[in-house]
Amino acid sequence: MKIAVCIKQVPGTAQVEIDPVTGVLKRDGVESKMNPYDLYALETALRFKQEYGAELTVITMGPPQAQAVIREAFMMGVDHGFLLSDRRFGGADVLATSYTISQGLRATGDFDLIICGKQTTDGDTAQVGSELAEFLDIPHVTSVCKVHGIDTDGITVDLDLPLHIQTAKVKFPCLITVEKGIFEPRLPSYKLKLATADREIKVLTLDDLTDKDPAHYGLNGSPTQVKRIFPPEHSTTREMWDGENDELSSRLFRFLNDNKYLQQLR
């Protein structure tokens, strides 16, 4: 059984610079970490490896520094790692990102199961998993909160839907996205860090993919563009109020009712 897990390196801080021309995040040299939701996808795959003897591959897209999250995955027990890295991939929206990763997966082999985290903490779209499955032309389910088991032709899971839990069996090859908390992610192993220090990370560029048309990747292949993006404003302004409970509650009510910013959120 062959399993691929899609992971991503995301900013580890809110202090991220933005390209004023393209409107995308400047990731080079920024303090980064593995997307927290991907840790749950990794743990799910690692448990399948322990129980069913699966062979695990991770794939990510990003600048050369994104190899760090692949190294971290090796330290958890993953077998193979691929990095999609090419300046022509830069500035991709969710559709172009999904297409690029789908091409990367096609170039690395046939997988029985692809696992993604629920979403990423930098984009929060929760769209890449579903779009990836569509590009690969395989069935998929999202919001997986429990795994019942795997047999010869598919996987049976519970889906956390808004009003109820649905049990579904999905036939291989397929893709699932998992919810936070499906399993408790393990910590990286120092022993595995030493054992995998020299393990090869294969870097794929546009020239390694079947579809080499640059119009399908990066900004060129993105039907949506960021009109405006800006870091959150930080304010330390505060007031201290003294008084009796009734007085303070009435004052707080008037403050919230008169605050123009809070009115916009309604």
Protein backbone atom coordinates (compact mmCIF):
# COMPACT_ATOMS: atom_id res chain seq x y z
CA MET A 1 0.00 0.00 0.00
CA LYS A 2 1.36 3.40 -0.98
CA ILE A 3 0.26 6.57 0.80
CA ALA A 4 1.11 10.19 -0.01
CA VAL A 5 0.68 13.02 2.49
CA CYS A 6 0.53 16.63 1.34
CA ILE A 7 2.29 18.97 3.75
CA LYS A 8 3.15 22.65 3.71
CA GLN A 9 5.58 25.01 5.38
CA VAL A 10 3.74 28.05 6.75
CA PRO A 11 4.94 31.23 8.46
CA GLY A 12 5.63 30.72 12.13
CA THR A 13 4.93 34.37 12.88
CA ALA A 14 2.35 37.01 11.99
CA GLN A 15 5.16 39.45 11.12
CA VAL A 16 5.36 38.56 7.43
CA GLU A 17 6.23 40.97 4.62
CA ILE A 18 3.97 41.26 1.59
CA ASP A 19 5.08 41.84 -1.99
CA PRO A 20 3.51 45.19 -2.94
CA VAL A 21 3.32 44.21 -6.63
CA THR A 22 1.98 40.63 -6.54
CA GLY A 23 0.20 40.82 -3.19
CA VAL A 24 1.62 37.47 -2.03
CA LEU A 25 3.55 36.62 1.11
CA LYS A 26 7.33 36.84 1.04
CA ARG A 27 8.29 33.41 2.36
CA ASP A 28 12.05 33.46 1.79
CA GLY A 29 13.94 33.83 5.05
CA VAL A 30 10.76 33.94 7.17
CA GLU A 31 10.55 31.96 10.40
CA SER A 32 8.50 28.93 9.40
CA LYS A 33 7.00 25.69 10.67
CA MET A 34 4.97 22.77 9.42
CA ASN A 35 1.30 23.55 8.96
CA PRO A 36 -0.27 22.32 12.23
CA TYR A 37 -3.20 20.61 10.48
CA ASP A 38 -0.76 18.55 8.41
CA LEU A 39 0.59 16.95 11.58
CA TYR A 40 -2.75 15.17 11.97
CA ALA A 41 -2.58 13.94 8.37
CA LEU A 42 0.95 12.68 8.98
CA GLU A 43 -0.02 10.89 12.18
CA THR A 44 -2.93 9.20 10.39
CA ALA A 45 -0.59 7.95 7.66
CA LEU A 46 2.03 6.80 10.17
CA ARG A 47 -0.55 4.72 12.01
CA PHE A 48 -1.53 3.11 8.70
CA LYS A 49 2.14 2.34 8.13
CA GLN A 50 2.38 0.62 11.51
CA GLU A 51 -0.84 -1.35 11.07
CA TYR A 52 -0.83 -2.16 7.36
CA GLY A 53 2.83 -1.85 6.35
CA ALA A 54 2.21 1.14 4.09
CA GLU A 55 4.97 3.00 2.27
CA LEU A 56 4.79 6.73 3.04
CA THR A 57 5.70 9.68 0.83
CA VAL A 58 5.31 13.37 1.58
CA ILE A 59 5.10 16.10 -1.03
CA THR A 60 5.20 19.84 -0.59
CA MET A 61 5.47 22.94 -2.75
CA GLY A 62 7.58 25.94 -1.83
CA PRO A 63 11.03 27.54 -1.83
CA PRO A 64 14.16 25.47 -1.05
CA GLN A 65 13.75 26.15 2.69
CA ALA A 66 10.57 24.03 2.62
CA GLN A 67 12.84 20.98 2.75
CA ALA A 68 12.80 21.54 6.52
CA VAL A 69 9.25 20.17 6.86
CA ILE A 70 10.21 17.12 4.79
CA ARG A 71 13.14 16.52 7.15
CA GLU A 72 10.71 16.80 10.05
CA ALA A 73 8.45 14.22 8.39
CA PHE A 74 11.45 11.89 8.02
CA MET A 75 12.04 12.29 11.76
CA MET A 76 8.52 11.04 12.36
CA GLY A 77 8.82 7.94 10.19
CA VAL A 78 8.08 8.93 6.57
CA ASP A 79 9.97 7.05 3.85
CA HIS A 80 10.22 9.45 0.89
CA GLY A 81 10.01 13.19 0.31
CA PHE A 82 9.45 15.38 -2.76
CA LEU A 83 9.68 19.16 -3.03
CA LEU A 84 8.03 21.06 -5.88
CA SER A 85 10.21 24.14 -6.15
CA ASP A 86 10.41 26.46 -9.14
CA ARG A 87 10.04 30.23 -9.42
CA ARG A 88 7.45 29.57 -12.10
CA PHE A 89 5.23 28.03 -9.38
CA GLY A 90 5.35 31.24 -7.31
CA GLY A 91 2.22 33.26 -6.56
CA ALA A 92 -0.18 30.37 -7.22
CA ASP A 93 -3.74 30.58 -5.95
CA VAL A 94 -5.50 27.47 -4.61
CA LEU A 95 -6.41 26.22 -8.09
CA ALA A 96 -2.89 26.56 -9.51
CA THR A 97 -1.44 25.12 -6.30
CA SER A 98 -3.73 22.09 -6.52
CA TYR A 99 -2.88 21.56 -10.16
CA THR A 100 0.86 21.78 -9.48
CA ILE A 101 0.69 19.26 -6.64
CA SER A 102 -1.45 16.93 -8.76
CA GLN A 103 1.21 17.03 -11.46
CA GLY A 104 3.87 16.38 -8.83
CA LEU A 105 1.99 13.34 -7.53
CA ARG A 106 1.59 11.98 -11.06
CA ALA A 107 5.34 12.36 -11.55
CA THR A 108 6.24 10.52 -8.34
CA GLY A 109 4.15 7.38 -8.71
CA ASP A 110 0.74 5.79 -8.20
CA PHE A 111 -0.74 6.09 -4.71
CA ASP A 112 -3.57 4.14 -3.14
CA LEU A 113 -4.38 6.88 -0.64
CA ILE A 114 -3.61 10.60 -0.44
CA ILE A 115 -4.08 12.37 2.90
CA CYS A 116 -4.30 16.12 3.45
CA GLY A 117 -4.82 18.23 6.53
CA LYS A 118 -8.07 20.11 6.88
CA GLN A 119 -6.57 23.43 5.76
CA THR A 120 -3.47 25.59 6.12
CA THR A 121 -3.02 28.37 8.66
CA ASP A 122 -1.76 30.88 6.09
CA GLY A 123 -4.53 30.53 3.49
CA ASP A 124 -7.39 28.91 5.45
CA THR A 125 -9.26 28.07 2.24
CA ALA A 126 -9.66 24.30 2.88
CA GLN A 127 -9.99 23.87 -0.89
CA VAL A 128 -6.72 22.29 -2.03
CA GLY A 129 -7.59 18.73 -0.99
CA SER A 130 -10.85 18.63 -2.93
CA GLU A 131 -9.39 20.36 -5.98
CA LEU A 132 -6.40 18.04 -5.93
CA ALA A 133 -8.71 15.00 -6.03
CA GLU A 134 -10.60 16.50 -8.96
CA PHE A 135 -7.39 17.04 -10.94
CA LEU A 136 -6.34 13.44 -10.19
CA ASP A 137 -9.84 12.19 -11.07
CA ILE A 138 -10.18 10.15 -7.89
CA PRO A 139 -12.95 10.02 -5.24
CA HIS A 140 -12.48 11.98 -2.05
CA VAL A 141 -14.10 12.82 1.27
CA THR A 142 -13.37 15.69 3.64
CA SER A 143 -13.72 16.33 7.37
CA VAL A 144 -12.67 12.81 8.34
CA CYS A 145 -12.77 12.52 12.13
CA LYS A 146 -12.40 8.77 12.59
CA VAL A 147 -11.03 5.80 10.67
CA HIS A 148 -12.82 2.48 11.04
CA GLY A 149 -10.40 0.46 8.95
CA ILE A 150 -8.82 -0.36 5.62
CA ASP A 151 -9.49 -3.44 3.49
CA THR A 152 -8.30 -4.56 0.09
CA ASP A 153 -10.29 -2.05 -1.95
CA GLY A 154 -10.97 0.98 0.24
CA ILE A 155 -11.11 2.86 3.52
CA THR A 156 -14.08 3.31 5.87
CA VAL A 157 -14.26 6.59 7.77
CA ASP A 158 -16.54 8.91 9.74
CA LEU A 159 -17.15 12.40 8.37
CA ASP A 160 -17.81 15.27 10.77
CA LEU A 161 -20.67 17.07 9.01
CA PRO A 162 -22.32 20.19 10.43
CA LEU A 163 -25.35 18.39 11.91
CA HIS A 164 -24.34 14.74 12.12
CA ILE A 165 -21.64 12.12 11.66
CA GLN A 166 -21.72 10.18 8.40
CA THR A 167 -19.94 6.88 7.82
CA ALA A 168 -18.61 6.32 4.31
CA LYS A 169 -16.45 3.82 2.47
CA VAL A 170 -14.23 5.24 -0.25
CA LYS A 171 -12.59 2.97 -2.81
CA PHE A 172 -8.90 3.20 -3.69
CA PRO A 173 -7.30 5.21 -5.11
CA CYS A 174 -8.82 8.08 -3.15
CA LEU A 175 -8.07 11.21 -1.14
CA ILE A 176 -9.19 12.17 2.35
CA THR A 177 -8.74 15.32 4.41
CA VAL A 178 -8.62 14.82 8.17
CA GLU A 179 -9.85 16.92 11.04
CA LYS A 180 -7.76 18.26 13.88
CA GLY A 181 -7.74 15.76 16.72
CA ILE A 182 -8.29 12.58 14.68
CA PHE A 183 -5.10 11.31 16.38
CA GLU A 184 -2.53 12.88 18.68
CA PRO A 185 0.53 13.74 16.54
CA ARG A 186 3.78 12.19 17.66
CA LEU A 187 6.96 14.14 18.27
CA PRO A 188 9.94 13.89 15.89
CA SER A 189 12.49 11.26 16.88
CA TYR A 190 16.10 12.22 17.46
CA LYS A 191 17.09 8.67 16.54
CA LEU A 192 15.29 9.00 13.21
CA LYS A 193 16.86 12.42 12.71
CA LEU A 194 20.30 10.81 12.78
CA ALA A 195 19.19 7.86 10.68
CA THR A 196 17.65 10.04 7.94
CA ALA A 197 20.16 12.90 7.92
CA ASP A 198 21.48 11.85 4.51
CA ARG A 199 18.17 10.73 3.03
CA GLU A 200 17.56 12.27 -0.38
CA ILE A 201 14.84 14.85 -0.90
CA LYS A 202 13.93 14.88 -4.57
CA VAL A 203 13.32 18.36 -5.95
CA LEU A 204 10.91 18.64 -8.89
CA THR A 205 10.73 21.65 -11.19
CA LEU A 206 8.37 22.44 -14.03
CA ASP A 207 10.69 20.55 -16.37
CA ASP A 208 10.08 17.33 -14.42
CA LEU A 209 6.30 17.42 -14.86
CA THR A 210 4.25 16.00 -17.70
CA ASP A 211 2.48 19.29 -18.36
CA LYS A 212 5.28 21.79 -18.93
CA ASP A 213 3.10 24.71 -20.02
CA PRO A 214 4.04 27.64 -17.72
CA ALA A 215 0.61 29.18 -18.35
CA HIS A 216 -0.88 26.54 -16.03
CA TYR A 217 1.27 27.37 -13.00
CA GLY A 218 1.98 30.19 -10.58
CA LEU A 219 0.46 33.59 -11.18
CA ASN A 220 -0.08 32.76 -14.85
CA GLY A 221 -2.25 29.79 -13.98
CA SER A 222 -4.22 31.49 -11.22
CA PRO A 223 -7.73 32.63 -12.18
CA THR A 224 -8.01 34.55 -8.89
CA GLN A 225 -5.72 37.35 -7.80
CA VAL A 226 -5.26 38.94 -4.39
CA LYS A 227 -6.57 42.50 -4.65
CA ARG A 228 -5.26 43.58 -1.27
CA ILE A 229 -3.51 41.88 1.61
CA PHE A 230 -2.14 43.40 4.78
CA PRO A 231 -0.89 42.29 8.17
CA PRO A 232 -3.25 42.65 11.16
CA GLU A 233 -3.01 45.88 13.09
CA HIS A 234 -1.78 45.65 16.67
CA SER A 235 -3.09 47.98 19.29
CA THR A 236 -2.19 48.24 22.96
CA THR A 237 -4.77 50.92 23.76
CA ARG A 238 -6.75 50.07 26.86
CA GLU A 239 -8.99 51.63 29.47
CA MET A 240 -9.50 50.81 33.12
CA TRP A 241 -13.03 51.28 34.49
CA ASP A 242 -14.01 51.37 38.14
CA GLY A 243 -17.52 51.14 39.51
CA GLU A 244 -20.32 48.89 40.65
CA ASN A 245 -21.47 45.90 38.59
CA ASP A 246 -24.66 47.54 37.28
CA GLU A 247 -22.80 50.71 36.34
CA LEU A 248 -20.00 48.85 34.57
CA SER A 249 -22.33 46.53 32.64
CA SER A 250 -24.37 49.50 31.39
CA ARG A 251 -21.22 51.35 30.39
CA LEU A 252 -19.88 48.28 28.57
CA PHE A 253 -23.18 47.87 26.72
CA ARG A 254 -23.08 51.49 25.54
CA PHE A 255 -19.45 51.14 24.46
CA LEU A 256 -20.12 48.02 22.39
CA ASN A 257 -23.28 49.50 20.91
CA ASP A 258 -21.53 52.72 19.86
CA ASN A 259 -18.32 51.15 18.54
CA LYS A 260 -18.30 51.56 14.75
CA TYR A 261 -15.85 48.73 14.17
CA LEU A 262 -17.97 46.24 16.11
CA GLN A 263 -21.04 47.39 14.20
CA GLN A 264 -19.32 46.43 10.95
CA LEU A 265 -18.85 42.88 12.22
CA ARG A 266 -22.55 42.37 12.81
